[in-house]
Amino acid sequence: VMTASRGGRLLSAEAFDVVRTELLALALVVTPNAGEAAALAGMEVATVADARQAAARIRALGPRAVVVKGGHLREDEAVDVLLDETGYAELRGPRVIAGPTHGTGCTFAAAIAANLALGRALRPAVEQAKRYVAAALGRGLSVGRGHHPLDHFWAHHR
Protein backbone atom coordinates (compact mmCIF):
# COMPACT_ATOMS: atom_id res chain seq x y z
CA VAL A 1 0.00 0.00 0.00
CA MET A 2 1.62 3.20 -1.19
CA THR A 3 -1.29 5.63 -1.13
CA ALA A 4 -4.46 5.94 0.93
CA SER A 5 -7.96 6.02 -0.54
CA ARG A 6 -8.04 9.76 0.12
CA GLY A 7 -4.87 10.20 -1.95
CA GLY A 8 -2.36 10.62 0.88
CA ARG A 9 1.11 9.18 0.40
CA LEU A 10 1.91 6.39 2.88
CA LEU A 11 5.56 5.74 1.98
CA SER A 12 8.59 7.96 2.27
CA ALA A 13 10.79 8.34 -0.81
CA GLU A 14 13.39 6.06 0.78
CA ALA A 15 10.81 3.35 1.51
CA PHE A 16 9.48 3.64 -2.06
CA ASP A 17 12.98 3.03 -3.43
CA VAL A 18 13.31 -0.11 -1.28
CA VAL A 19 9.94 -1.39 -2.52
CA ARG A 20 10.92 -0.77 -6.13
CA THR A 21 14.48 -2.14 -5.98
CA GLU A 22 14.21 -4.95 -3.43
CA LEU A 23 10.69 -5.94 -2.37
CA LEU A 24 9.05 -6.30 -5.79
CA ALA A 25 11.56 -8.96 -6.81
CA LEU A 26 10.37 -11.13 -3.92
CA ALA A 27 6.66 -10.92 -4.72
CA LEU A 28 4.44 -13.50 -6.38
CA VAL A 29 1.89 -10.83 -7.31
CA VAL A 30 1.66 -7.07 -6.82
CA THR A 31 -1.59 -5.10 -7.09
CA PRO A 32 -0.94 -1.39 -7.64
CA ASN A 33 -3.75 1.02 -8.40
CA ALA A 34 -3.26 3.41 -11.33
CA GLY A 35 -1.40 6.00 -9.25
CA GLU A 36 0.89 3.43 -7.65
CA ALA A 37 1.51 1.79 -11.04
CA ALA A 38 2.40 5.18 -12.48
CA ALA A 39 4.94 5.78 -9.72
CA LEU A 40 6.45 2.29 -10.03
CA ALA A 41 6.56 2.34 -13.84
CA GLY A 42 7.61 5.97 -14.23
CA MET A 43 4.75 6.87 -16.56
CA GLU A 44 1.18 8.15 -16.62
CA VAL A 45 -1.45 5.43 -16.17
CA ALA A 46 -4.90 6.61 -17.26
CA THR A 47 -6.13 3.99 -19.75
CA VAL A 48 -6.13 0.22 -20.18
CA ALA A 49 -3.32 0.57 -22.75
CA ASP A 50 -1.29 2.53 -20.17
CA ALA A 51 -2.03 -0.14 -17.55
CA ARG A 52 -0.73 -2.86 -19.87
CA GLN A 53 2.51 -0.94 -20.48
CA ALA A 54 2.93 -0.17 -16.76
CA ALA A 55 2.31 -3.83 -15.86
CA ALA A 56 5.15 -4.85 -18.21
CA ARG A 57 7.52 -2.28 -16.70
CA ILE A 58 6.63 -3.34 -13.15
CA ARG A 59 6.92 -7.05 -13.95
CA ALA A 60 10.43 -6.34 -15.28
CA LEU A 61 11.31 -5.31 -11.70
CA GLY A 62 10.86 -8.92 -10.57
CA PRO A 63 7.38 -9.94 -9.40
CA ARG A 64 5.95 -13.02 -11.11
CA ALA A 65 2.64 -11.24 -11.75
CA VAL A 66 1.21 -7.73 -11.73
CA VAL A 67 -2.42 -6.63 -11.50
CA VAL A 68 -2.90 -2.94 -12.29
CA LYS A 69 -6.26 -2.22 -10.70
CA GLY A 70 -8.69 -0.34 -12.89
CA GLY A 71 -10.79 1.55 -10.39
CA HIS A 72 -9.03 4.84 -11.17
CA LEU A 73 -8.64 4.40 -14.93
CA ARG A 74 -10.59 6.63 -17.30
CA GLU A 75 -12.78 3.81 -18.59
CA ASP A 76 -16.53 3.11 -18.45
CA GLU A 77 -15.89 -0.29 -16.90
CA ALA A 78 -13.57 -1.27 -14.05
CA VAL A 79 -10.81 -3.05 -15.99
CA ASP A 80 -7.99 -4.68 -14.05
CA VAL A 81 -4.96 -5.64 -16.14
CA LEU A 82 -3.19 -8.85 -15.12
CA LEU A 83 0.22 -9.74 -16.53
CA ASP A 84 1.86 -13.02 -15.61
CA GLU A 85 4.17 -15.52 -17.31
CA THR A 86 1.37 -16.53 -19.71
CA GLY A 87 0.64 -12.98 -20.88
CA TYR A 88 -2.07 -10.39 -20.34
CA ALA A 89 -5.65 -10.75 -19.17
CA GLU A 90 -8.14 -7.92 -18.87
CA LEU A 91 -10.57 -8.52 -16.04
CA ARG A 92 -13.65 -6.46 -16.84
CA GLY A 93 -16.58 -5.67 -14.62
CA PRO A 94 -19.14 -2.94 -14.12
CA ARG A 95 -17.94 0.13 -12.31
CA VAL A 96 -19.46 -0.02 -8.80
CA ILE A 97 -20.63 3.38 -7.56
CA ALA A 98 -20.49 3.13 -3.80
CA GLY A 99 -19.67 6.55 -2.41
CA PRO A 100 -16.54 7.22 -0.38
CA THR A 101 -14.99 3.96 0.76
CA HIS A 102 -11.61 2.74 1.93
CA GLY A 103 -9.91 -0.62 2.01
CA THR A 104 -10.67 -1.85 -1.50
CA GLY A 105 -7.02 -2.34 -2.44
CA CYS A 106 -6.12 -4.10 0.79
CA THR A 107 -9.22 -6.29 0.50
CA PHE A 108 -8.32 -7.19 -3.09
CA ALA A 109 -4.76 -8.21 -2.18
CA ALA A 110 -5.97 -10.18 0.85
CA ALA A 111 -8.62 -11.95 -1.23
CA ILE A 112 -5.99 -12.96 -3.80
CA ALA A 113 -3.78 -14.31 -0.99
CA ALA A 114 -6.71 -16.21 0.53
CA ASN A 115 -7.62 -17.76 -2.82
CA LEU A 116 -4.00 -18.79 -3.40
CA ALA A 117 -3.92 -20.33 0.10
CA LEU A 118 -7.03 -22.33 -0.86
CA GLY A 119 -5.03 -23.81 -3.74
CA ARG A 120 -6.42 -21.81 -6.64
CA ALA A 121 -4.11 -20.96 -9.51
CA LEU A 122 -3.17 -17.30 -9.87
CA ARG A 123 -5.62 -16.22 -12.58
CA PRO A 124 -8.69 -17.83 -10.97
CA ALA A 125 -7.56 -16.41 -7.61
CA VAL A 126 -7.43 -12.89 -9.07
CA GLU A 127 -10.76 -13.32 -10.88
CA GLN A 128 -12.48 -14.51 -7.69
CA ALA A 129 -10.91 -11.67 -5.69
CA LYS A 130 -12.27 -9.12 -8.20
CA ARG A 131 -15.80 -10.57 -7.88
CA TYR A 132 -15.55 -10.58 -4.07
CA VAL A 133 -14.38 -6.95 -3.86
CA ALA A 134 -17.05 -5.76 -6.31
CA ALA A 135 -19.77 -7.41 -4.21
CA ALA A 136 -18.33 -6.12 -0.92
CA LEU A 137 -17.96 -2.63 -2.38
CA GLY A 138 -21.53 -2.61 -3.66
CA ARG A 139 -22.74 -3.49 -0.18
CA GLY A 140 -20.42 -1.08 1.67
CA LEU A 141 -21.23 -0.21 5.24
CA SER A 142 -22.43 3.31 5.93
CA VAL A 143 -21.03 3.83 9.42
CA GLY A 144 -19.55 6.87 11.09
CA ARG A 145 -18.35 9.87 9.10
CA GLY A 146 -15.97 10.01 6.16
CA HIS A 147 -14.93 7.03 4.05
CA HIS A 148 -16.81 3.80 4.74
CA PRO A 149 -15.54 0.22 4.93
CA LEU A 150 -16.57 -2.57 2.60
CA ASP A 151 -19.02 -5.19 3.83
CA HIS A 152 -16.67 -8.17 4.09
CA PHE A 153 -19.49 -10.41 5.30
CA TRP A 154 -21.96 -9.63 2.50
CA ALA A 155 -22.29 -13.31 1.53
CA HIS A 156 -23.47 -14.25 5.02
CA HIS A 157 -26.47 -11.94 5.12
CA ARG A 158 -27.93 -12.04 1.65
C-alpha atoms as a PDB file:
ATOM      1  CA  VAL A   1       0.000   0.000   0.000  1.00  0.00           C
ATOM      2  CA  MET A   2       1.625   3.197  -1.189  1.00  0.00           C
ATOM      3  CA  THR A   3      -1.287   5.629  -1.127  1.00  0.00           C
ATOM      4  CA  ALA A   4      -4.462   5.936   0.930  1.00  0.00           C
ATOM      5  CA  SER A   5      -7.964   6.023  -0.542  1.00  0.00           C
ATOM      6  CA  ARG A   6      -8.039   9.757   0.118  1.00  0.00           C
ATOM      7  CA  GLY A   7      -4.865  10.196  -1.948  1.00  0.00           C
ATOM      8  CA  GLY A   8      -2.361  10.621   0.880  1.00  0.00           C
ATOM      9  CA  ARG A   9       1.107   9.176   0.404  1.00  0.00           C
ATOM     10  CA  LEU A  10       1.905   6.389   2.883  1.00  0.00           C
ATOM     11  CA  LEU A  11       5.557   5.739   1.985  1.00  0.00           C
ATOM     12  CA  SER A  12       8.591   7.955   2.269  1.00  0.00           C
ATOM     13  CA  ALA A  13      10.787   8.341  -0.813  1.00  0.00           C
ATOM     14  CA  GLU A  14      13.390   6.062   0.782  1.00  0.00           C
ATOM     15  CA  ALA A  15      10.806   3.353   1.505  1.00  0.00           C
ATOM     16  CA  PHE A  16       9.476   3.644  -2.059  1.00  0.00           C
ATOM     17  CA  ASP A  17      12.980   3.033  -3.435  1.00  0.00           C
ATOM     18  CA  VAL A  18      13.313  -0.109  -1.284  1.00  0.00           C
ATOM     19  CA  VAL A  19       9.942  -1.386  -2.517  1.00  0.00           C
ATOM     20  CA  ARG A  20      10.919  -0.770  -6.125  1.00  0.00           C
ATOM     21  CA  THR A  21      14.477  -2.143  -5.984  1.00  0.00           C
ATOM     22  CA  GLU A  22      14.209  -4.952  -3.425  1.00  0.00           C
ATOM     23  CA  LEU A  23      10.693  -5.940  -2.372  1.00  0.00           C
ATOM     24  CA  LEU A  24       9.051  -6.296  -5.785  1.00  0.00           C
ATOM     25  CA  ALA A  25      11.563  -8.957  -6.811  1.00  0.00           C
ATOM     26  CA  LEU A  26      10.372 -11.132  -3.921  1.00  0.00           C
ATOM     27  CA  ALA A  27       6.656 -10.916  -4.723  1.00  0.00           C
ATOM     28  CA  LEU A  28       4.444 -13.498  -6.384  1.00  0.00           C
ATOM     29  CA  VAL A  29       1.891 -10.828  -7.312  1.00  0.00           C
ATOM     30  CA  VAL A  30       1.662  -7.067  -6.819  1.00  0.00           C
ATOM     31  CA  THR A  31      -1.588  -5.104  -7.087  1.00  0.00           C
ATOM     32  CA  PRO A  32      -0.939  -1.390  -7.643  1.00  0.00           C
ATOM     33  CA  ASN A  33      -3.750   1.024  -8.399  1.00  0.00           C
ATOM     34  CA  ALA A  34      -3.259   3.413 -11.330  1.00  0.00           C
ATOM     35  CA  GLY A  35      -1.396   5.996  -9.252  1.00  0.00           C
ATOM     36  CA  GLU A  36       0.892   3.433  -7.650  1.00  0.00           C
ATOM     37  CA  ALA A  37       1.508   1.786 -11.037  1.00  0.00           C
ATOM     38  CA  ALA A  38       2.399   5.185 -12.477  1.00  0.00           C
ATOM     39  CA  ALA A  39       4.945   5.783  -9.721  1.00  0.00           C
ATOM     40  CA  LEU A  40       6.454   2.293 -10.027  1.00  0.00           C
ATOM     41  CA  ALA A  41       6.562   2.339 -13.845  1.00  0.00           C
ATOM     42  CA  GLY A  42       7.613   5.966 -14.227  1.00  0.00           C
ATOM     43  CA  MET A  43       4.752   6.870 -16.560  1.00  0.00           C
ATOM     44  CA  GLU A  44       1.183   8.148 -16.619  1.00  0.00           C
ATOM     45  CA  VAL A  45      -1.454   5.432 -16.170  1.00  0.00           C
ATOM     46  CA  ALA A  46      -4.902   6.607 -17.258  1.00  0.00           C
ATOM     47  CA  THR A  47      -6.135   3.986 -19.751  1.00  0.00           C
ATOM     48  CA  VAL A  48      -6.128   0.220 -20.182  1.00  0.00           C
ATOM     49  CA  ALA A  49      -3.318   0.574 -22.746  1.00  0.00           C
ATOM     50  CA  ASP A  50      -1.289   2.531 -20.173  1.00  0.00           C
ATOM     51  CA  ALA A  51      -2.027  -0.138 -17.550  1.00  0.00           C
ATOM     52  CA  ARG A  52      -0.730  -2.858 -19.871  1.00  0.00           C
ATOM     53  CA  GLN A  53       2.509  -0.940 -20.482  1.00  0.00           C
ATOM     54  CA  ALA A  54       2.928  -0.175 -16.764  1.00  0.00           C
ATOM     55  CA  ALA A  55       2.311  -3.825 -15.862  1.00  0.00           C
ATOM     56  CA  ALA A  56       5.154  -4.854 -18.207  1.00  0.00           C
ATOM     57  CA  ARG A  57       7.518  -2.280 -16.697  1.00  0.00           C
ATOM     58  CA  ILE A  58       6.633  -3.343 -13.151  1.00  0.00           C
ATOM     59  CA  ARG A  59       6.918  -7.051 -13.949  1.00  0.00           C
ATOM     60  CA  ALA A  60      10.426  -6.339 -15.283  1.00  0.00           C
ATOM     61  CA  LEU A  61      11.308  -5.308 -11.695  1.00  0.00           C
ATOM     62  CA  GLY A  62      10.858  -8.923 -10.574  1.00  0.00           C
ATOM     63  CA  PRO A  63       7.379  -9.939  -9.405  1.00  0.00           C
ATOM     64  CA  ARG A  64       5.946 -13.023 -11.107  1.00  0.00           C
ATOM     65  CA  ALA A  65       2.637 -11.242 -11.754  1.00  0.00           C
ATOM     66  CA  VAL A  66       1.208  -7.725 -11.733  1.00  0.00           C
ATOM     67  CA  VAL A  67      -2.422  -6.627 -11.502  1.00  0.00           C
ATOM     68  CA  VAL A  68      -2.895  -2.944 -12.288  1.00  0.00           C
ATOM     69  CA  LYS A  69      -6.257  -2.223 -10.702  1.00  0.00           C
ATOM     70  CA  GLY A  70      -8.689  -0.341 -12.895  1.00  0.00           C
ATOM     71  CA  GLY A  71     -10.790   1.550 -10.392  1.00  0.00           C
ATOM     72  CA  HIS A  72      -9.031   4.838 -11.168  1.00  0.00           C
ATOM     73  CA  LEU A  73      -8.638   4.403 -14.925  1.00  0.00           C
ATOM     74  CA  ARG A  74     -10.594   6.632 -17.296  1.00  0.00           C
ATOM     75  CA  GLU A  75     -12.775   3.814 -18.594  1.00  0.00           C
ATOM     76  CA  ASP A  76     -16.529   3.109 -18.455  1.00  0.00           C
ATOM     77  CA  GLU A  77     -15.886  -0.295 -16.896  1.00  0.00           C
ATOM     78  CA  ALA A  78     -13.572  -1.271 -14.049  1.00  0.00           C
ATOM     79  CA  VAL A  79     -10.813  -3.053 -15.989  1.00  0.00           C
ATOM     80  CA  ASP A  80      -7.990  -4.681 -14.049  1.00  0.00           C
ATOM     81  CA  VAL A  81      -4.961  -5.644 -16.145  1.00  0.00           C
ATOM     82  CA  LEU A  82      -3.192  -8.845 -15.117  1.00  0.00           C
ATOM     83  CA  LEU A  83       0.217  -9.738 -16.526  1.00  0.00           C
ATOM     84  CA  ASP A  84       1.861 -13.022 -15.612  1.00  0.00           C
ATOM     85  CA  GLU A  85       4.171 -15.516 -17.307  1.00  0.00           C
ATOM     86  CA  THR A  86       1.374 -16.531 -19.708  1.00  0.00           C
ATOM     87  CA  GLY A  87       0.645 -12.984 -20.884  1.00  0.00           C
ATOM     88  CA  TYR A  88      -2.072 -10.391 -20.343  1.00  0.00           C
ATOM     89  CA  ALA A  89      -5.646 -10.754 -19.166  1.00  0.00           C
ATOM     90  CA  GLU A  90      -8.143  -7.919 -18.869  1.00  0.00           C
ATOM     91  CA  LEU A  91     -10.570  -8.522 -16.041  1.00  0.00           C
ATOM     92  CA  ARG A  92     -13.649  -6.463 -16.836  1.00  0.00           C
ATOM     93  CA  GLY A  93     -16.578  -5.666 -14.621  1.00  0.00           C
ATOM     94  CA  PRO A  94     -19.142  -2.941 -14.123  1.00  0.00           C
ATOM     95  CA  ARG A  95     -17.936   0.132 -12.305  1.00  0.00           C
ATOM     96  CA  VAL A  96     -19.464  -0.018  -8.796  1.00  0.00           C
ATOM     97  CA  ILE A  97     -20.627   3.383  -7.559  1.00  0.00           C
ATOM     98  CA  ALA A  98     -20.492   3.132  -3.801  1.00  0.00           C
ATOM     99  CA  GLY A  99     -19.669   6.549  -2.410  1.00  0.00           C
ATOM    100  CA  PRO A 100     -16.544   7.222  -0.380  1.00  0.00           C
ATOM    101  CA  THR A 101     -14.993   3.957   0.759  1.00  0.00           C
ATOM    102  CA  HIS A 102     -11.614   2.739   1.932  1.00  0.00           C
ATOM    103  CA  GLY A 103      -9.907  -0.623   2.015  1.00  0.00           C
ATOM    104  CA  THR A 104     -10.666  -1.846  -1.496  1.00  0.00           C
ATOM    105  CA  GLY A 105      -7.019  -2.340  -2.444  1.00  0.00           C
ATOM    106  CA  CYS A 106      -6.125  -4.101   0.794  1.00  0.00           C
ATOM    107  CA  THR A 107      -9.216  -6.291   0.499  1.00  0.00           C
ATOM    108  CA  PHE A 108      -8.321  -7.193  -3.091  1.00  0.00           C
ATOM    109  CA  ALA A 109      -4.759  -8.212  -2.179  1.00  0.00           C
ATOM    110  CA  ALA A 110      -5.966 -10.180   0.849  1.00  0.00           C
ATOM    111  CA  ALA A 111      -8.619 -11.951  -1.226  1.00  0.00           C
ATOM    112  CA  ILE A 112      -5.995 -12.957  -3.798  1.00  0.00           C
ATOM    113  CA  ALA A 113      -3.783 -14.306  -0.992  1.00  0.00           C
ATOM    114  CA  ALA A 114      -6.711 -16.214   0.530  1.00  0.00           C
ATOM    115  CA  ASN A 115      -7.615 -17.755  -2.820  1.00  0.00           C
ATOM    116  CA  LEU A 116      -4.000 -18.787  -3.403  1.00  0.00           C
ATOM    117  CA  ALA A 117      -3.921 -20.326   0.095  1.00  0.00           C
ATOM    118  CA  LEU A 118      -7.027 -22.328  -0.865  1.00  0.00           C
ATOM    119  CA  GLY A 119      -5.028 -23.812  -3.742  1.00  0.00           C
ATOM    120  CA  ARG A 120      -6.423 -21.805  -6.641  1.00  0.00           C
ATOM    121  CA  ALA A 121      -4.111 -20.964  -9.514  1.00  0.00           C
ATOM    122  CA  LEU A 122      -3.166 -17.299  -9.867  1.00  0.00           C
ATOM    123  CA  ARG A 123      -5.620 -16.224 -12.576  1.00  0.00           C
ATOM    124  CA  PRO A 124      -8.690 -17.830 -10.968  1.00  0.00           C
ATOM    125  CA  ALA A 125      -7.558 -16.410  -7.607  1.00  0.00           C
ATOM    126  CA  VAL A 126      -7.427 -12.894  -9.067  1.00  0.00           C
ATOM    127  CA  GLU A 127     -10.755 -13.318 -10.877  1.00  0.00           C
ATOM    128  CA  GLN A 128     -12.484 -14.512  -7.692  1.00  0.00           C
ATOM    129  CA  ALA A 129     -10.913 -11.670  -5.693  1.00  0.00           C
ATOM    130  CA  LYS A 130     -12.268  -9.125  -8.201  1.00  0.00           C
ATOM    131  CA  ARG A 131     -15.797 -10.566  -7.879  1.00  0.00           C
ATOM    132  CA  TYR A 132     -15.554 -10.584  -4.074  1.00  0.00           C
ATOM    133  CA  VAL A 133     -14.383  -6.952  -3.858  1.00  0.00           C
ATOM    134  CA  ALA A 134     -17.047  -5.758  -6.308  1.00  0.00           C
ATOM    135  CA  ALA A 135     -19.766  -7.410  -4.214  1.00  0.00           C
ATOM    136  CA  ALA A 136     -18.334  -6.123  -0.918  1.00  0.00           C
ATOM    137  CA  LEU A 137     -17.964  -2.634  -2.380  1.00  0.00           C
ATOM    138  CA  GLY A 138     -21.533  -2.608  -3.665  1.00  0.00           C
ATOM    139  CA  ARG A 139     -22.737  -3.487  -0.176  1.00  0.00           C
ATOM    140  CA  GLY A 140     -20.416  -1.078   1.669  1.00  0.00           C
ATOM    141  CA  LEU A 141     -21.235  -0.207   5.242  1.00  0.00           C
ATOM    142  CA  SER A 142     -22.428   3.309   5.928  1.00  0.00           C
ATOM    143  CA  VAL A 143     -21.026   3.827   9.417  1.00  0.00           C
ATOM    144  CA  GLY A 144     -19.550   6.865  11.091  1.00  0.00           C
ATOM    145  CA  ARG A 145     -18.345   9.866   9.096  1.00  0.00           C
ATOM    146  CA  GLY A 146     -15.965  10.007   6.158  1.00  0.00           C
ATOM    147  CA  HIS A 147     -14.928   7.031   4.053  1.00  0.00           C
ATOM    148  CA  HIS A 148     -16.811   3.804   4.737  1.00  0.00           C
ATOM    149  CA  PRO A 149     -15.538   0.220   4.933  1.00  0.00           C
ATOM    150  CA  LEU A 150     -16.568  -2.574   2.595  1.00  0.00           C
ATOM    151  CA  ASP A 151     -19.020  -5.195   3.828  1.00  0.00           C
ATOM    152  CA  HIS A 152     -16.672  -8.170   4.094  1.00  0.00           C
ATOM    153  CA  PHE A 153     -19.488 -10.415   5.300  1.00  0.00           C
ATOM    154  CA  TRP A 154     -21.959  -9.635   2.504  1.00  0.00           C
ATOM    155  CA  ALA A 155     -22.285 -13.311   1.531  1.00  0.00           C
ATOM    156  CA  HIS A 156     -23.468 -14.252   5.016  1.00  0.00           C
ATOM    157  CA  HIS A 157     -26.469 -11.938   5.124  1.00  0.00           C
ATOM    158  CA  ARG A 158     -27.930 -12.043   1.653  1.00  0.00           C
END
